[in-house]
Amino acid sequence: MPWLYLVLAILAETVGTSALKLSEGFTRLVPSVVTALAYAVSFYLLAQVLRTIPVGIAYAIWSGLGIVFIATIGWLWFGQRLDAPAMIGLVLIIAGIVVMQVFSNTTGH
């Protein structure tokens, strides 16, 4: 269950960050409310995850996948450019998460 909560926390954080972009500096009500609610859900779920998964591992996965997801959303929906170094960096983040999951004994899987 903690891994499902972690995935949901990452998705909620991604929704919150996307809505933050749409809020235009908290000047638009609906995206601002979505931002606050999504981050609240994300932090609540992350807090539940931290009961069983070590904080360093959970946070690395939460932030790393959040970066990859929001960069992809920025590229697909907001027309933000991803150059080769940015894409290489995103691949390295994913590789780091895979290495932790496959080879680390501290991930709690």
PDB file of N, CA and C in Angstrom:
ATOM      1  N   MET A   1       0.798  -1.204   0.000  1.00  0.00           N
ATOM      2  CA  MET A   1       0.000   0.000   0.000  1.00  0.00           C
ATOM      3  C   MET A   1       0.845   1.276   0.000  1.00  0.00           C
ATOM      4  N   PRO A   2       1.998   1.302   0.681  1.00  0.00           N
ATOM      5  CA  PRO A   2       2.778   2.539   0.667  1.00  0.00           C
ATOM      6  C   PRO A   2       3.247   2.929  -0.731  1.00  0.00           C
ATOM      7  N   TRP A   3       3.517   1.947  -1.583  1.00  0.00           N
ATOM      8  CA  TRP A   3       3.969   2.268  -2.936  1.00  0.00           C
ATOM      9  C   TRP A   3       2.833   2.867  -3.753  1.00  0.00           C
ATOM     10  N   LEU A   4       1.618   2.373  -3.560  1.00  0.00           N
ATOM     11  CA  LEU A   4       0.458   2.972  -4.217  1.00  0.00           C
ATOM     12  C   LEU A   4       0.264   4.403  -3.734  1.00  0.00           C
ATOM     13  N   TYR A   5       0.383   4.618  -2.435  1.00  0.00           N
ATOM     14  CA  TYR A   5       0.271   5.974  -1.882  1.00  0.00           C
ATOM     15  C   TYR A   5       1.350   6.891  -2.451  1.00  0.00           C
ATOM     16  N   LEU A   6       2.545   6.353  -2.639  1.00  0.00           N
ATOM     17  CA  LEU A   6       3.623   7.166  -3.194  1.00  0.00           C
ATOM     18  C   LEU A   6       3.302   7.568  -4.632  1.00  0.00           C
ATOM     19  N   VAL A   7       2.815   6.649  -5.423  1.00  0.00           N
ATOM     20  CA  VAL A   7       2.420   6.971  -6.800  1.00  0.00           C
ATOM     21  C   VAL A   7       1.325   8.027  -6.811  1.00  0.00           C
ATOM     22  N   LEU A   8       0.329   7.873  -5.942  1.00  0.00           N
ATOM     23  CA  LEU A   8      -0.761   8.851  -5.867  1.00  0.00           C
ATOM     24  C   LEU A   8      -0.256  10.208  -5.386  1.00  0.00           C
ATOM     25  N   ALA A   9       0.689  10.204  -4.454  1.00  0.00           N
ATOM     26  CA  ALA A   9       1.282  11.459  -3.982  1.00  0.00           C
ATOM     27  C   ALA A   9       2.014  12.169  -5.113  1.00  0.00           C
ATOM     28  N   ILE A  10       2.727  11.409  -5.922  1.00  0.00           N
ATOM     29  CA  ILE A  10       3.453  11.981  -7.062  1.00  0.00           C
ATOM     30  C   ILE A  10       2.465  12.558  -8.073  1.00  0.00           C
ATOM     31  N   LEU A  11       1.407  11.831  -8.351  1.00  0.00           N
ATOM     32  CA  LEU A  11       0.404  12.325  -9.296  1.00  0.00           C
ATOM     33  C   LEU A  11      -0.274  13.583  -8.771  1.00  0.00           C
ATOM     34  N   ALA A  12      -0.602  13.612  -7.482  1.00  0.00           N
ATOM     35  CA  ALA A  12      -1.223  14.803  -6.897  1.00  0.00           C
ATOM     36  C   ALA A  12      -0.270  15.995  -6.957  1.00  0.00           C
ATOM     37  N   GLU A  13       0.999  15.759  -6.685  1.00  0.00           N
ATOM     38  CA  GLU A  13       1.990  16.843  -6.751  1.00  0.00           C
ATOM     39  C   GLU A  13       2.121  17.361  -8.182  1.00  0.00           C
ATOM     40  N   THR A  14       2.041  16.472  -9.145  1.00  0.00           N
ATOM     41  CA  THR A  14       2.128  16.861 -10.547  1.00  0.00           C
ATOM     42  C   THR A  14       0.911  17.699 -10.950  1.00  0.00           C
ATOM     43  N   VAL A  15      -0.268  17.301 -10.499  1.00  0.00           N
ATOM     44  CA  VAL A  15      -1.474  18.097 -10.754  1.00  0.00           C
ATOM     45  C   VAL A  15      -1.334  19.468 -10.103  1.00  0.00           C
ATOM     46  N   GLY A  16      -0.856  19.491  -8.853  1.00  0.00           N
ATOM     47  CA  GLY A  16      -0.678  20.755  -8.140  1.00  0.00           C
ATOM     48  C   GLY A  16       0.286  21.693  -8.842  1.00  0.00           C
ATOM     49  N   THR A  17       1.390  21.155  -9.327  1.00  0.00           N
ATOM     50  CA  THR A  17       2.373  21.988 -10.017  1.00  0.00           C
ATOM     51  C   THR A  17       1.836  22.484 -11.354  1.00  0.00           C
ATOM     52  N   SER A  18       1.102  21.647 -12.057  1.00  0.00           N
ATOM     53  CA  SER A  18       0.481  22.075 -13.321  1.00  0.00           C
ATOM     54  C   SER A  18      -0.536  23.184 -13.065  1.00  0.00           C
ATOM     55  N   ALA A  19      -1.339  23.012 -12.026  1.00  0.00           N
ATOM     56  CA  ALA A  19      -2.330  24.040 -11.679  1.00  0.00           C
ATOM     57  C   ALA A  19      -1.641  25.320 -11.210  1.00  0.00           C
ATOM     58  N   LEU A  20      -0.495  25.181 -10.555  1.00  0.00           N
ATOM     59  CA  LEU A  20       0.267  26.352 -10.117  1.00  0.00           C
ATOM     60  C   LEU A  20       0.667  27.198 -11.322  1.00  0.00           C
ATOM     61  N   LYS A  21       1.097  26.546 -12.386  1.00  0.00           N
ATOM     62  CA  LYS A  21       1.426  27.257 -13.620  1.00  0.00           C
ATOM     63  C   LYS A  21       0.197  27.987 -14.148  1.00  0.00           C
ATOM     64  N   LEU A  22      -0.946  27.316 -14.121  1.00  0.00           N
ATOM     65  CA  LEU A  22      -2.187  27.896 -14.638  1.00  0.00           C
ATOM     66  C   LEU A  22      -2.765  28.980 -13.731  1.00  0.00           C
ATOM     67  N   SER A  23      -2.346  29.013 -12.480  1.00  0.00           N
ATOM     68  CA  SER A  23      -2.893  29.992 -11.531  1.00  0.00           C
ATOM     69  C   SER A  23      -2.402  31.412 -11.800  1.00  0.00           C
ATOM     70  N   GLU A  24      -1.353  31.521 -12.619  1.00  0.00           N
ATOM     71  CA  GLU A  24      -0.769  32.818 -12.956  1.00  0.00           C
ATOM     72  C   GLU A  24      -0.465  33.633 -11.696  1.00  0.00           C
ATOM     73  N   GLY A  25       0.359  33.031 -10.836  1.00  0.00           N
ATOM     74  CA  GLY A  25       0.774  33.720  -9.610  1.00  0.00           C
ATOM     75  C   GLY A  25      -0.351  33.847  -8.603  1.00  0.00           C
ATOM     76  N   PHE A  26      -1.232  32.868  -8.545  1.00  0.00           N
ATOM     77  CA  PHE A  26      -2.398  32.849  -7.651  1.00  0.00           C
ATOM     78  C   PHE A  26      -3.373  33.982  -7.952  1.00  0.00           C
ATOM     79  N   THR A  27      -3.454  34.399  -9.215  1.00  0.00           N
ATOM     80  CA  THR A  27      -4.424  35.426  -9.600  1.00  0.00           C
ATOM     81  C   THR A  27      -5.689  34.821 -10.190  1.00  0.00           C
ATOM     82  N   ARG A  28      -5.681  33.515 -10.448  1.00  0.00           N
ATOM     83  CA  ARG A  28      -6.875  32.826 -10.966  1.00  0.00           C
ATOM     84  C   ARG A  28      -7.350  31.861  -9.892  1.00  0.00           C
ATOM     85  N   LEU A  29      -8.622  31.978  -9.520  1.00  0.00           N
ATOM     86  CA  LEU A  29      -9.167  31.263  -8.362  1.00  0.00           C
ATOM     87  C   LEU A  29      -9.147  29.743  -8.517  1.00  0.00           C
ATOM     88  N   VAL A  30      -9.728  29.225  -9.583  1.00  0.00           N
ATOM     89  CA  VAL A  30      -9.864  27.769  -9.701  1.00  0.00           C
ATOM     90  C   VAL A  30      -8.505  27.058  -9.729  1.00  0.00           C
ATOM     91  N   PRO A  31      -7.571  27.479 -10.574  1.00  0.00           N
ATOM     92  CA  PRO A  31      -6.261  26.806 -10.519  1.00  0.00           C
ATOM     93  C   PRO A  31      -5.562  26.980  -9.172  1.00  0.00           C
ATOM     94  N   SER A  32      -5.788  28.091  -8.499  1.00  0.00           N
ATOM     95  CA  SER A  32      -5.179  28.308  -7.179  1.00  0.00           C
ATOM     96  C   SER A  32      -5.732  27.328  -6.159  1.00  0.00           C
ATOM     97  N   VAL A  33      -7.039  27.102  -6.197  1.00  0.00           N
ATOM     98  CA  VAL A  33      -7.673  26.144  -5.278  1.00  0.00           C
ATOM     99  C   VAL A  33      -7.212  24.726  -5.603  1.00  0.00           C
ATOM    100  N   VAL A  34      -7.148  24.398  -6.889  1.00  0.00           N
ATOM    101  CA  VAL A  34      -6.661  23.073  -7.299  1.00  0.00           C
ATOM    102  C   VAL A  34      -5.232  22.859  -6.807  1.00  0.00           C
ATOM    103  N   THR A  35      -4.405  23.895  -6.924  1.00  0.00           N
ATOM    104  CA  THR A  35      -3.020  23.812  -6.451  1.00  0.00           C
ATOM    105  C   THR A  35      -2.980  23.473  -4.967  1.00  0.00           C
ATOM    106  N   ALA A  36      -3.716  24.224  -4.164  1.00  0.00           N
ATOM    107  CA  ALA A  36      -3.706  24.011  -2.715  1.00  0.00           C
ATOM    108  C   ALA A  36      -4.219  22.620  -2.343  1.00  0.00           C
ATOM    109  N   LEU A  37      -5.306  22.209  -2.965  1.00  0.00           N
ATOM    110  CA  LEU A  37      -5.865  20.885  -2.650  1.00  0.00           C
ATOM    111  C   LEU A  37      -4.937  19.758  -3.093  1.00  0.00           C
ATOM    112  N   ALA A  38      -4.383  19.882  -4.284  1.00  0.00           N
ATOM    113  CA  ALA A  38      -3.496  18.826  -4.794  1.00  0.00           C
ATOM    114  C   ALA A  38      -2.247  18.695  -3.934  1.00  0.00           C
ATOM    115  N   TYR A  39      -1.669  19.824  -3.528  1.00  0.00           N
ATOM    116  CA  TYR A  39      -0.489  19.749  -2.661  1.00  0.00           C
ATOM    117  C   TYR A  39      -0.849  19.193  -1.288  1.00  0.00           C
ATOM    118  N   ALA A  40      -2.017  19.538  -0.765  1.00  0.00           N
ATOM    119  CA  ALA A  40      -2.436  18.990   0.524  1.00  0.00           C
ATOM    120  C   ALA A  40      -2.577  17.471   0.441  1.00  0.00           C
ATOM    121  N   VAL A  41      -3.203  16.993  -0.618  1.00  0.00           N
ATOM    122  CA  VAL A  41      -3.346  15.542  -0.815  1.00  0.00           C
ATOM    123  C   VAL A  41      -1.973  14.898  -0.977  1.00  0.00           C
ATOM    124  N   SER A  42      -1.122  15.513  -1.757  1.00  0.00           N
ATOM    125  CA  SER A  42       0.208  14.967  -1.990  1.00  0.00           C
ATOM    126  C   SER A  42       1.003  14.841  -0.696  1.00  0.00           C
ATOM    127  N   PHE A  43       1.006  15.913   0.105  1.00  0.00           N
ATOM    128  CA  PHE A  43       1.765  15.861   1.362  1.00  0.00           C
ATOM    129  C   PHE A  43       1.156  14.882   2.362  1.00  0.00           C
ATOM    130  N   TYR A  44      -0.169  14.781   2.378  1.00  0.00           N
ATOM    131  CA  TYR A  44      -0.806  13.811   3.270  1.00  0.00           C
ATOM    132  C   TYR A  44      -0.383  12.395   2.881  1.00  0.00           C
ATOM    133  N   LEU A  45      -0.466  12.089   1.590  1.00  0.00           N
ATOM    134  CA  LEU A  45      -0.083  10.748   1.137  1.00  0.00           C
ATOM    135  C   LEU A  45       1.401  10.485   1.363  1.00  0.00           C
ATOM    136  N   LEU A  46       2.228  11.488   1.111  1.00  0.00           N
ATOM    137  CA  LEU A  46       3.662  11.315   1.360  1.00  0.00           C
ATOM    138  C   LEU A  46       3.925  11.054   2.841  1.00  0.00           C
ATOM    139  N   ALA A  47       3.199  11.731   3.704  1.00  0.00           N
ATOM    140  CA  ALA A  47       3.350  11.507   5.146  1.00  0.00           C
ATOM    141  C   ALA A  47       2.994  10.065   5.509  1.00  0.00           C
ATOM    142  N   GLN A  48       1.981   9.512   4.864  1.00  0.00           N
ATOM    143  CA  GLN A  48       1.605   8.120   5.126  1.00  0.00           C
ATOM    144  C   GLN A  48       2.696   7.166   4.632  1.00  0.00           C
ATOM    145  N   VAL A  49       3.265   7.487   3.491  1.00  0.00           N
ATOM    146  CA  VAL A  49       4.344   6.676   2.916  1.00  0.00           C
ATOM    147  C   VAL A  49       5.542   6.625   3.858  1.00  0.00           C
ATOM    148  N   LEU A  50       5.845   7.761   4.485  1.00  0.00           N
ATOM    149  CA  LEU A  50       7.032   7.852   5.341  1.00  0.00           C
ATOM    150  C   LEU A  50       6.917   7.015   6.607  1.00  0.00           C
ATOM    151  N   ARG A  51       5.755   6.451   6.859  1.00  0.00           N
ATOM    152  CA  ARG A  51       5.602   5.541   8.000  1.00  0.00           C
ATOM    153  C   ARG A  51       6.326   4.223   7.753  1.00  0.00           C
ATOM    154  N   THR A  52       6.506   3.869   6.461  1.00  0.00           N
ATOM    155  CA  THR A  52       7.127   2.575   6.157  1.00  0.00           C
ATOM    156  C   THR A  52       8.338   2.663   5.234  1.00  0.00           C
ATOM    157  N   ILE A  53       8.380   3.638   4.363  1.00  0.00           N
ATOM    158  CA  ILE A  53       9.498   3.774   3.423  1.00  0.00           C
ATOM    159  C   ILE A  53      10.444   4.847   3.960  1.00  0.00           C
ATOM    160  N   PRO A  54      11.745   4.601   3.974  1.00  0.00           N
ATOM    161  CA  PRO A  54      12.692   5.601   4.483  1.00  0.00           C
ATOM    162  C   PRO A  54      12.528   6.946   3.763  1.00  0.00           C
ATOM    163  N   VAL A  55      12.664   8.025   4.522  1.00  0.00           N
ATOM    164  CA  VAL A  55      12.415   9.365   3.997  1.00  0.00           C
ATOM    165  C   VAL A  55      13.295   9.706   2.794  1.00  0.00           C
ATOM    166  N   GLY A  56      14.550   9.334   2.827  1.00  0.00           N
ATOM    167  CA  GLY A  56      15.442   9.652   1.717  1.00  0.00           C
ATOM    168  C   GLY A  56      15.023   8.967   0.433  1.00  0.00           C
ATOM    169  N   ILE A  57      14.601   7.728   0.543  1.00  0.00           N
ATOM    170  CA  ILE A  57      14.170   6.963  -0.625  1.00  0.00           C
ATOM    171  C   ILE A  57      12.843   7.501  -1.144  1.00  0.00           C
ATOM    172  N   ALA A  58      11.881   7.674  -0.239  1.00  0.00           N
ATOM    173  CA  ALA A  58      10.557   8.165  -0.652  1.00  0.00           C
ATOM    174  C   ALA A  58      10.661   9.541  -1.292  1.00  0.00           C
ATOM    175  N   TYR A  59      11.440  10.423  -0.681  1.00  0.00           N
ATOM    176  CA  TYR A  59      11.548  11.774  -1.212  1.00  0.00           C
ATOM    177  C   TYR A  59      12.286  11.795  -2.546  1.00  0.00           C
ATOM    178  N   ALA A  60      13.300  10.959  -2.686  1.00  0.00           N
ATOM    179  CA  ALA A  60      14.029  10.885  -3.956  1.00  0.00           C
ATOM    180  C   ALA A  60      13.100  10.445  -5.087  1.00  0.00           C
ATOM    181  N   ILE A  61      12.282   9.454  -4.817  1.00  0.00           N
ATOM    182  CA  ILE A  61      11.345   8.972  -5.834  1.00  0.00           C
ATOM    183  C   ILE A  61      10.255  10.006  -6.092  1.00  0.00           C
ATOM    184  N   TRP A  62       9.704  10.581  -5.012  1.00  0.00           N
ATOM    185  CA  TRP A  62       8.635  11.586  -5.127  1.00  0.00           C
ATOM    186  C   TRP A  62       9.108  12.789  -5.935  1.00  0.00           C
ATOM    187  N   SER A  63      10.251  13.315  -5.571  1.00  0.00           N
ATOM    188  CA  SER A  63      10.731  14.512  -6.269  1.00  0.00           C
ATOM    189  C   SER A  63      11.252  14.178  -7.663  1.00  0.00           C
ATOM    190  N   GLY A  64      11.963  13.052  -7.802  1.00  0.00           N
ATOM    191  CA  GLY A  64      12.518  12.686  -9.096  1.00  0.00           C
ATOM    192  C   GLY A  64      11.444  12.425 -10.139  1.00  0.00           C
ATOM    193  N   LEU A  65      10.473  11.603  -9.803  1.00  0.00           N
ATOM    194  CA  LEU A  65       9.402  11.346 -10.764  1.00  0.00           C
ATOM    195  C   LEU A  65       8.540  12.581 -10.975  1.00  0.00           C
ATOM    196  N   GLY A  66       8.369  13.378  -9.923  1.00  0.00           N
ATOM    197  CA  GLY A  66       7.639  14.639 -10.084  1.00  0.00           C
ATOM    198  C   GLY A  66       8.316  15.542 -11.100  1.00  0.00           C
ATOM    199  N   ILE A  67       9.632  15.614 -11.048  1.00  0.00           N
ATOM    200  CA  ILE A  67      10.387  16.421 -12.015  1.00  0.00           C
ATOM    201  C   ILE A  67      10.174  15.892 -13.432  1.00  0.00           C
ATOM    202  N   VAL A  68      10.288  14.589 -13.592  1.00  0.00           N
ATOM    203  CA  VAL A  68      10.126  13.987 -14.919  1.00  0.00           C
ATOM    204  C   VAL A  68       8.704  14.224 -15.434  1.00  0.00           C
ATOM    205  N   PHE A  69       7.708  14.000 -14.584  1.00  0.00           N
ATOM    206  CA  PHE A  69       6.318  14.174 -15.014  1.00  0.00           C
ATOM    207  C   PHE A  69       6.017  15.627 -15.372  1.00  0.00           C
ATOM    208  N   ILE A  70       6.447  16.569 -14.527  1.00  0.00           N
ATOM    209  CA  ILE A  70       6.109  17.961 -14.795  1.00  0.00           C
ATOM    210  C   ILE A  70       6.890  18.494 -15.992  1.00  0.00           C
ATOM    211  N   ALA A  71       8.099  18.018 -16.199  1.00  0.00           N
ATOM    212  CA  ALA A  71       8.840  18.418 -17.405  1.00  0.00           C
ATOM    213  C   ALA A  71       8.128  17.907 -18.655  1.00  0.00           C
ATOM    214  N   THR A  72       7.609  16.693 -18.585  1.00  0.00           N
ATOM    215  CA  THR A  72       6.862  16.131 -19.713  1.00  0.00           C
ATOM    216  C   THR A  72       5.569  16.908 -19.950  1.00  0.00           C
ATOM    217  N   ILE A  73       4.863  17.238 -18.893  1.00  0.00           N
ATOM    218  CA  ILE A  73       3.634  18.040 -19.019  1.00  0.00           C
ATOM    219  C   ILE A  73       3.964  19.419 -19.579  1.00  0.00           C
ATOM    220  N   GLY A  74       5.036  20.019 -19.099  1.00  0.00           N
ATOM    221  CA  GLY A  74       5.452  21.315 -19.624  1.00  0.00           C
ATOM    222  C   GLY A  74       5.720  21.258 -21.114  1.00  0.00           C
ATOM    223  N   TRP A  75       6.329  20.179 -21.538  1.00  0.00           N
ATOM    224  CA  TRP A  75       6.634  19.992 -22.960  1.00  0.00           C
ATOM    225  C   TRP A  75       5.356  19.742 -23.771  1.00  0.00           C
ATOM    226  N   LEU A  76       4.477  18.839 -23.267  1.00  0.00           N
ATOM    227  CA  LEU A  76       3.287  18.457 -24.026  1.00  0.00           C
ATOM    228  C   LEU A  76       2.199  19.535 -24.024  1.00  0.00           C
ATOM    229  N   TRP A  77       1.916  20.126 -22.850  1.00  0.00           N
ATOM    230  CA  TRP A  77       0.766  21.019 -22.731  1.00  0.00           C
ATOM    231  C   TRP A  77       1.110  22.501 -22.700  1.00  0.00           C
ATOM    232  N   PHE A  78       2.295  22.830 -22.237  1.00  0.00           N
ATOM    233  CA  PHE A  78       2.643  24.242 -22.124  1.00  0.00           C
ATOM    234  C   PHE A  78       3.641  24.691 -23.188  1.00  0.00           C
ATOM    235  N   GLY A  79       4.004  23.778 -24.088  1.00  0.00           N
ATOM    236  CA  GLY A  79       4.888  24.121 -25.191  1.00  0.00           C
ATOM    237  C   GLY A  79       6.299  24.492 -24.774  1.00  0.00           C
ATOM    238  N   GLN A  80       6.736  23.990 -23.639  1.00  0.00           N
ATOM    239  CA  GLN A  80       8.083  24.296 -23.165  1.00  0.00           C
ATOM    240  C   GLN A  80       9.081  23.354 -23.847  1.00  0.00           C
ATOM    241  N   ARG A  81      10.169  23.923 -24.274  1.00  0.00           N
ATOM    242  CA  ARG A  81      11.180  23.187 -25.019  1.00  0.00           C
ATOM    243  C   ARG A  81      12.062  22.361 -24.078  1.00  0.00           C
ATOM    244  N   LEU A  82      12.362  21.148 -24.490  1.00  0.00           N
ATOM    245  CA  LEU A  82      13.324  20.304 -23.778  1.00  0.00           C
ATOM    246  C   LEU A  82      14.482  20.031 -24.737  1.00  0.00           C
ATOM    247  N   ASP A  83      15.639  20.592 -24.435  1.00  0.00           N
ATOM    248  CA  ASP A  83      16.799  20.344 -25.292  1.00  0.00           C
ATOM    249  C   ASP A  83      17.475  19.035 -24.877  1.00  0.00           C
ATOM    250  N   ALA A  84      18.504  18.660 -25.610  1.00  0.00           N
ATOM    251  CA  ALA A  84      19.182  17.383 -25.360  1.00  0.00           C
ATOM    252  C   ALA A  84      19.721  17.264 -23.935  1.00  0.00           C
ATOM    253  N   PRO A  85      20.400  18.296 -23.380  1.00  0.00           N
ATOM    254  CA  PRO A  85      20.871  18.160 -21.998  1.00  0.00           C
ATOM    255  C   PRO A  85      19.724  17.958 -20.992  1.00  0.00           C
ATOM    256  N   ALA A  86      18.590  18.623 -21.224  1.00  0.00           N
ATOM    257  CA  ALA A  86      17.443  18.441 -20.329  1.00  0.00           C
ATOM    258  C   ALA A  86      16.921  17.009 -20.407  1.00  0.00           C
ATOM    259  N   MET A  87      16.824  16.486 -21.606  1.00  0.00           N
ATOM    260  CA  MET A  87      16.337  15.111 -21.763  1.00  0.00           C
ATOM    261  C   MET A  87      17.319  14.101 -21.162  1.00  0.00           C
ATOM    262  N   ILE A  88      18.607  14.353 -21.335  1.00  0.00           N
ATOM    263  CA  ILE A  88      19.616  13.465 -20.728  1.00  0.00           C
ATOM    264  C   ILE A  88      19.481  13.505 -19.208  1.00  0.00           C
ATOM    265  N   GLY A  89      19.307  14.685 -18.661  1.00  0.00           N
ATOM    266  CA  GLY A  89      19.118  14.816 -17.214  1.00  0.00           C
ATOM    267  C   GLY A  89      17.898  14.059 -16.727  1.00  0.00           C
ATOM    268  N   LEU A  90      16.791  14.138 -17.465  1.00  0.00           N
ATOM    269  CA  LEU A  90      15.579  13.413 -17.080  1.00  0.00           C
ATOM    270  C   LEU A  90      15.801  11.903 -17.135  1.00  0.00           C
ATOM    271  N   VAL A  91      16.514  11.447 -18.150  1.00  0.00           N
ATOM    272  CA  VAL A  91      16.836  10.015 -18.249  1.00  0.00           C
ATOM    273  C   VAL A  91      17.708   9.588 -17.067  1.00  0.00           C
ATOM    274  N   LEU A  92      18.652  10.434 -16.675  1.00  0.00           N
ATOM    275  CA  LEU A  92      19.509  10.113 -15.528  1.00  0.00           C
ATOM    276  C   LEU A  92      18.701  10.047 -14.227  1.00  0.00           C
ATOM    277  N   ILE A  93      17.711  10.916 -14.080  1.00  0.00           N
ATOM    278  CA  ILE A  93      16.838  10.855 -12.896  1.00  0.00           C
ATOM    279  C   ILE A  93      16.108   9.519 -12.864  1.00  0.00           C
ATOM    280  N   ILE A  94      15.534   9.129 -13.991  1.00  0.00           N
ATOM    281  CA  ILE A  94      14.828   7.846 -14.068  1.00  0.00           C
ATOM    282  C   ILE A  94      15.790   6.701 -13.785  1.00  0.00           C
ATOM    283  N   ALA A  95      16.997   6.769 -14.344  1.00  0.00           N
ATOM    284  CA  ALA A  95      17.990   5.717 -14.106  1.00  0.00           C
ATOM    285  C   ALA A  95      18.338   5.631 -12.624  1.00  0.00           C
ATOM    286  N   GLY A  96      18.465   6.766 -11.963  1.00  0.00           N
ATOM    287  CA  GLY A  96      18.756   6.769 -10.535  1.00  0.00           C
ATOM    288  C   GLY A  96      17.666   6.097  -9.724  1.00  0.00           C
ATOM    289  N   ILE A  97      16.418   6.351 -10.087  1.00  0.00           N
ATOM    290  CA  ILE A  97      15.298   5.726  -9.386  1.00  0.00           C
ATOM    291  C   ILE A  97      15.293   4.220  -9.626  1.00  0.00           C
ATOM    292  N   VAL A  98      15.566   3.815 -10.856  1.00  0.00           N
ATOM    293  CA  VAL A  98      15.625   2.378 -11.172  1.00  0.00           C
ATOM    294  C   VAL A  98      16.747   1.713 -10.390  1.00  0.00           C
ATOM    295  N   VAL A  99      17.911   2.337 -10.344  1.00  0.00           N
ATOM    296  CA  VAL A  99      19.038   1.768  -9.589  1.00  0.00           C
ATOM    297  C   VAL A  99      18.655   1.592  -8.118  1.00  0.00           C
ATOM    298  N   MET A 100      18.019   2.597  -7.536  1.00  0.00           N
ATOM    299  CA  MET A 100      17.604   2.483  -6.130  1.00  0.00           C
ATOM    300  C   MET A 100      16.628   1.329  -5.942  1.00  0.00           C
ATOM    301  N   GLN A 101      15.668   1.201  -6.844  1.00  0.00           N
ATOM    302  CA  GLN A 101      14.659   0.161  -6.705  1.00  0.00           C
ATOM    303  C   GLN A 101      15.215  -1.238  -6.922  1.00  0.00           C
ATOM    304  N   VAL A 102      16.126  -1.366  -7.858  1.00  0.00           N
ATOM    305  CA  VAL A 102      16.623  -2.699  -8.213  1.00  0.00           C
ATOM    306  C   VAL A 102      17.761  -3.155  -7.304  1.00  0.00           C
ATOM    307  N   PHE A 103      18.649  -2.233  -6.920  1.00  0.00           N
ATOM    308  CA  PHE A 103      19.874  -2.640  -6.241  1.00  0.00           C
ATOM    309  C   PHE A 103      19.961  -2.259  -4.769  1.00  0.00           C
ATOM    310  N   SER A 104      19.119  -1.352  -4.306  1.00  0.00           N
ATOM    311  CA  SER A 104      19.239  -0.904  -2.919  1.00  0.00           C
ATOM    312  C   SER A 104      18.415  -1.777  -1.988  1.00  0.00           C
ATOM    313  N   ASN A 105      18.985  -2.076  -0.837  1.00  0.00           N
ATOM    314  CA  ASN A 105      18.247  -2.819   0.184  1.00  0.00           C
ATOM    315  C   ASN A 105      17.469  -1.889   1.099  1.00  0.00           C
ATOM    316  N   THR A 106      17.592  -0.570   0.922  1.00  0.00           N
ATOM    317  CA  THR A 106      16.919   0.367   1.802  1.00  0.00           C
ATOM    318  C   THR A 106      15.570   0.831   1.288  1.00  0.00           C
ATOM    319  N   THR A 107      15.149   0.375   0.110  1.00  0.00           N
ATOM    320  CA  THR A 107      13.903   0.868  -0.464  1.00  0.00           C
ATOM    321  C   THR A 107      12.663   0.246   0.153  1.00  0.00           C
ATOM    322  N   GLY A 108      12.791  -0.815   0.854  1.00  0.00           N
ATOM    323  CA  GLY A 108      11.644  -1.422   1.517  1.00  0.00           C
ATOM    324  C   GLY A 108      10.709  -2.183   0.590  1.00  0.00           C
ATOM    325  N   HIS A 109      11.221  -2.670  -0.535  1.00  0.00           N
ATOM    326  CA  HIS A 109      10.356  -3.458  -1.438  1.00  0.00           C
ATOM    327  C   HIS A 109      10.421  -4.915  -1.147  1.00  0.00           C
TER     328      HIS A 109
END
